[in-house]
């Protein structure tokens, strides 16, 4: 959907990815993913269809996904993500008790066990840290639905989902780490990449791109 391109220049393209759509090809399907679809769109426009993913989002996560349009930008942004020079902000709707603190940090290693990722408070695992801020609290009754702003300072797989679940608020709609007794689960994972801030690969100037998290159309 061309309307979901929220930023584009001759080096970078940032797409507001739909929930449920893979970022890149998966073993059983190389056609229905964002990278391939945006490449086809560029080809229709008469441009090179070659793109490089600068980072990845889980298929169930929506929001800002960055792609590079040339090797130089790809190398620069790939290194920037690896070195933590890209500020990432996510919005996520948790399910759990009323939060006692407005701001908190989860710093706990993440490891892979079989096909699943788990938090290992005492290791072994890869060091990971996420800063959380409560923006508002929705609902009442047994479980509340706090809306969190999450800023991962490392880039581990499923990091925001794991850290928030470990802190006591699994993300609503999370089929892997969610709360099994959530009586009103949404139809999608309520996690979205909402802001990316970085230095531009060509100009070196600071750039911040943001977008609303989950419109009703998603």
Protein backbone atom coordinates (compact mmCIF):
# COMPACT_ATOMS: atom_id res chain seq x y z
CA UNK A 1 0.00 0.00 0.00
CA UNK A 2 1.83 3.17 -1.17
CA UNK A 3 -0.09 5.20 1.40
CA UNK A 4 1.76 3.32 4.16
CA UNK A 5 5.13 4.71 3.12
CA UNK A 6 5.75 7.33 5.83
CA UNK A 7 9.24 8.42 4.77
CA UNK A 8 11.26 8.09 1.57
CA UNK A 9 14.34 9.63 -0.04
CA UNK A 10 17.01 8.29 -2.39
CA UNK A 11 18.67 6.31 0.41
CA UNK A 12 15.92 5.14 2.77
CA UNK A 13 12.30 4.06 2.79
CA UNK A 14 10.24 3.58 5.96
CA UNK A 15 7.01 1.61 5.69
CA UNK A 16 4.23 1.38 8.28
CA UNK A 17 4.04 -2.42 8.33
CA UNK A 18 0.71 -4.18 8.83
CA UNK A 19 0.29 -6.59 11.72
CA UNK A 20 0.44 -10.21 10.51
CA UNK A 21 2.73 -9.48 7.56
CA UNK A 22 6.32 -10.84 7.60
CA UNK A 23 9.11 -8.32 7.16
CA UNK A 24 10.94 -10.60 4.71
CA UNK A 25 10.58 -13.95 2.96
CA UNK A 26 9.79 -17.01 5.05
CA UNK A 27 10.63 -20.61 3.99
CA UNK A 28 7.17 -21.37 2.62
CA UNK A 29 6.45 -17.95 1.03
CA UNK A 30 8.82 -15.51 -0.65
CA UNK A 31 6.07 -13.33 -2.17
CA UNK A 32 3.80 -12.08 0.63
CA UNK A 33 6.21 -10.00 2.71
CA UNK A 34 6.92 -6.31 3.06
CA UNK A 35 10.40 -6.32 1.51
CA UNK A 36 9.21 -8.10 -1.65
CA UNK A 37 6.01 -6.05 -1.93
CA UNK A 38 7.78 -2.69 -1.64
CA UNK A 39 10.33 -3.90 -4.18
CA UNK A 40 7.52 -4.67 -6.61
CA UNK A 41 6.07 -1.21 -6.01
CA UNK A 42 9.41 0.45 -6.81
CA UNK A 43 9.67 -1.62 -10.01
CA UNK A 44 6.24 -0.41 -11.11
CA UNK A 45 7.48 3.14 -10.54
CA UNK A 46 10.44 2.42 -12.83
CA UNK A 47 12.98 2.34 -10.01
CA UNK A 48 15.38 -0.34 -8.83
CA UNK A 49 13.53 -2.98 -6.85
CA UNK A 50 16.62 -3.92 -4.79
CA UNK A 51 16.12 -3.16 -1.10
CA UNK A 52 17.92 -4.09 2.11
CA UNK A 53 16.21 -4.44 5.48
CA UNK A 54 17.95 -2.29 8.09
CA UNK A 55 16.20 -4.13 10.93
CA UNK A 56 13.29 -6.53 11.37
CA UNK A 57 9.90 -6.61 13.05
CA UNK A 58 8.08 -9.78 14.11
CA UNK A 59 5.28 -10.66 11.72
CA UNK A 60 2.67 -9.86 14.37
CA UNK A 61 4.24 -6.47 15.21
CA UNK A 62 3.10 -3.46 13.20
CA UNK A 63 4.71 -0.09 12.62
CA UNK A 64 7.82 1.53 11.25
CA UNK A 65 10.11 -0.74 9.24
CA UNK A 66 13.22 0.75 7.63
CA UNK A 67 14.64 -0.35 4.29
CA UNK A 68 17.77 0.91 2.53
CA UNK A 69 17.73 1.62 -1.20
CA UNK A 70 21.47 1.20 -1.85
CA UNK A 71 24.43 -0.72 -0.41
CA UNK A 72 26.03 2.33 1.16
CA UNK A 73 22.91 3.24 3.13
CA UNK A 74 22.36 -0.42 4.00
CA UNK A 75 25.84 -0.75 5.47
CA UNK A 76 25.56 2.50 7.42
CA UNK A 77 22.13 1.81 8.89
CA UNK A 78 22.85 -1.86 9.59
CA UNK A 79 25.87 -0.85 11.65
CA UNK A 80 23.90 1.93 13.34
CA UNK A 81 21.24 -0.55 14.49
CA UNK A 82 23.88 -3.05 15.66
CA UNK A 83 25.74 -0.39 17.65
CA UNK A 84 22.59 1.01 19.27
CA UNK A 85 22.77 4.36 17.48
CA UNK A 86 19.12 4.17 16.40
CA UNK A 87 16.61 5.19 19.06
CA UNK A 88 13.55 2.91 18.83
CA UNK A 89 10.24 3.57 20.55
CA UNK A 90 7.38 1.06 20.66
CA UNK A 91 3.85 1.36 21.96
CA UNK A 92 2.38 -1.71 23.63
CA UNK A 93 -0.81 -2.49 25.49
CA UNK A 94 -0.19 -4.76 28.46
CA UNK A 95 -2.60 -6.89 30.50
CA UNK A 96 -2.11 -7.02 34.27
CA UNK A 97 -2.46 -5.19 37.58
CA UNK A 98 -2.42 -1.44 38.10
CA UNK A 99 1.22 -0.31 37.67
CA UNK A 100 2.76 1.13 40.81
CA UNK A 101 5.48 3.07 38.98
CA UNK A 102 5.23 5.36 35.97
CA UNK A 103 8.76 4.53 34.80
CA UNK A 104 10.78 1.36 35.22
CA UNK A 105 13.55 -0.60 33.54
CA UNK A 106 13.81 -4.33 32.87
CA UNK A 107 17.39 -5.52 32.58
CA UNK A 108 17.52 -9.30 32.21
CA UNK A 109 19.28 -11.67 29.80
CA UNK A 110 17.33 -13.39 27.05
CA UNK A 111 18.09 -16.93 25.89
CA UNK A 112 16.66 -19.36 23.36
CA UNK A 113 15.31 -22.69 24.56
CA UNK A 114 14.23 -24.88 21.68
CA UNK A 115 12.03 -22.71 19.47
CA UNK A 116 11.12 -20.25 22.21
CA UNK A 117 12.89 -17.30 23.76
CA UNK A 118 12.88 -16.88 27.54
CA UNK A 119 14.05 -14.38 30.15
CA UNK A 120 16.95 -15.69 32.24
CA UNK A 121 17.25 -13.34 35.23
CA UNK A 122 20.50 -14.97 36.36
CA UNK A 123 21.70 -16.08 32.93
CA UNK A 124 22.97 -17.60 30.78
CA UNK A 125 21.72 -15.47 27.94
CA UNK A 126 22.33 -12.27 26.01
CA UNK A 127 22.29 -9.07 28.05
CA UNK A 128 19.22 -6.96 27.28
CA UNK A 129 17.60 -3.82 28.65
CA UNK A 130 14.30 -2.07 28.00
CA UNK A 131 13.03 1.18 29.51
CA UNK A 132 9.25 1.38 30.02
CA UNK A 133 6.94 4.31 30.70
CA UNK A 134 3.24 4.08 31.53
CA UNK A 135 1.26 6.47 29.30
CA UNK A 136 -2.25 5.62 30.50
CA UNK A 137 -4.23 2.80 32.08
CA UNK A 138 -7.37 1.44 30.46
CA UNK A 139 -10.18 -0.71 31.83
CA UNK A 140 -10.99 -2.01 35.27
CA UNK A 141 -11.93 -5.25 36.96
CA UNK A 142 -9.44 -8.02 37.48
CA UNK A 143 -6.91 -6.93 34.85
CA UNK A 144 -6.08 -3.44 33.68
CA UNK A 145 -4.66 -2.57 30.29
CA UNK A 146 -1.75 -0.18 30.73
CA UNK A 147 -0.45 1.52 27.60
CA UNK A 148 3.34 1.48 27.71
CA UNK A 149 6.02 3.30 25.79
CA UNK A 150 8.94 0.90 25.42
CA UNK A 151 12.48 1.91 24.51
CA UNK A 152 14.70 -1.16 23.95
CA UNK A 153 18.37 -0.31 24.44
CA UNK A 154 19.43 -3.65 22.95
CA UNK A 155 17.98 -5.55 20.02
CA UNK A 156 17.23 -9.09 21.12
CA UNK A 157 14.53 -11.21 19.48
CA UNK A 158 11.11 -10.67 21.12
CA UNK A 159 12.78 -8.38 23.66
CA UNK A 160 9.90 -5.98 24.38
CA UNK A 161 7.38 -8.84 24.53
CA UNK A 162 9.52 -10.91 26.88
CA UNK A 163 10.56 -8.08 29.18
CA UNK A 164 7.04 -6.72 29.61
CA UNK A 165 5.63 -10.20 30.25
CA UNK A 166 8.36 -10.86 32.80
CA UNK A 167 7.52 -7.57 34.53
CA UNK A 168 3.89 -8.72 34.90
CA UNK A 169 2.08 -7.22 31.89
CA UNK A 170 2.09 -9.57 28.88
CA UNK A 171 1.14 -7.72 25.72
CA UNK A 172 -2.51 -8.04 24.73
CA UNK A 173 -2.98 -10.44 21.83
CA UNK A 174 0.42 -12.11 22.30
CA UNK A 175 -0.12 -15.75 21.34
CA UNK A 176 3.32 -16.82 22.63
CA UNK A 177 3.84 -14.89 25.85
CA UNK A 178 0.32 -13.57 26.53
CA UNK A 179 -1.89 -13.98 29.56
CA UNK A 180 -3.99 -17.16 29.13
CA UNK A 181 -6.75 -15.85 31.40
CA UNK A 182 -7.23 -12.62 29.43
CA UNK A 183 -11.00 -12.69 28.86
CA UNK A 184 -11.01 -10.18 25.97
CA UNK A 185 -7.93 -10.78 23.83
CA UNK A 186 -7.69 -8.56 20.73
CA UNK A 187 -7.40 -10.05 17.26
CA UNK A 188 -3.81 -8.81 16.86
CA UNK A 189 -0.66 -8.30 18.89
CA UNK A 190 -0.91 -4.83 20.43
CA UNK A 191 2.71 -3.90 19.80
CA UNK A 192 3.84 -1.31 17.28
CA UNK A 193 7.07 0.36 16.26
CA UNK A 194 6.10 4.01 16.64
CA UNK A 195 9.32 6.03 16.31
CA UNK A 196 12.81 5.74 14.82
CA UNK A 197 15.47 8.41 15.41
CA UNK A 198 18.91 8.26 13.79
CA UNK A 199 21.56 10.14 11.85
CA UNK A 200 20.92 10.11 8.11
CA UNK A 201 23.44 7.94 6.20
CA UNK A 202 24.16 10.58 3.56
CA UNK A 203 23.88 13.93 5.35
CA UNK A 204 24.69 12.86 8.89
CA UNK A 205 21.87 15.08 10.10
CA UNK A 206 19.56 13.84 12.87
CA UNK A 207 16.22 12.51 11.64
CA UNK A 208 13.19 11.34 13.61
CA UNK A 209 10.25 9.52 12.02
CA UNK A 210 7.10 8.68 13.96
CA UNK A 211 3.62 7.40 13.19
CA UNK A 212 0.47 6.48 15.13
CA UNK A 213 0.62 2.97 16.50
CA UNK A 214 -2.45 0.99 15.45
CA UNK A 215 -5.21 2.69 13.44
CA UNK A 216 -8.55 0.85 13.33
CA UNK A 217 -7.79 -0.14 9.74
CA UNK A 218 -5.05 -2.45 10.98
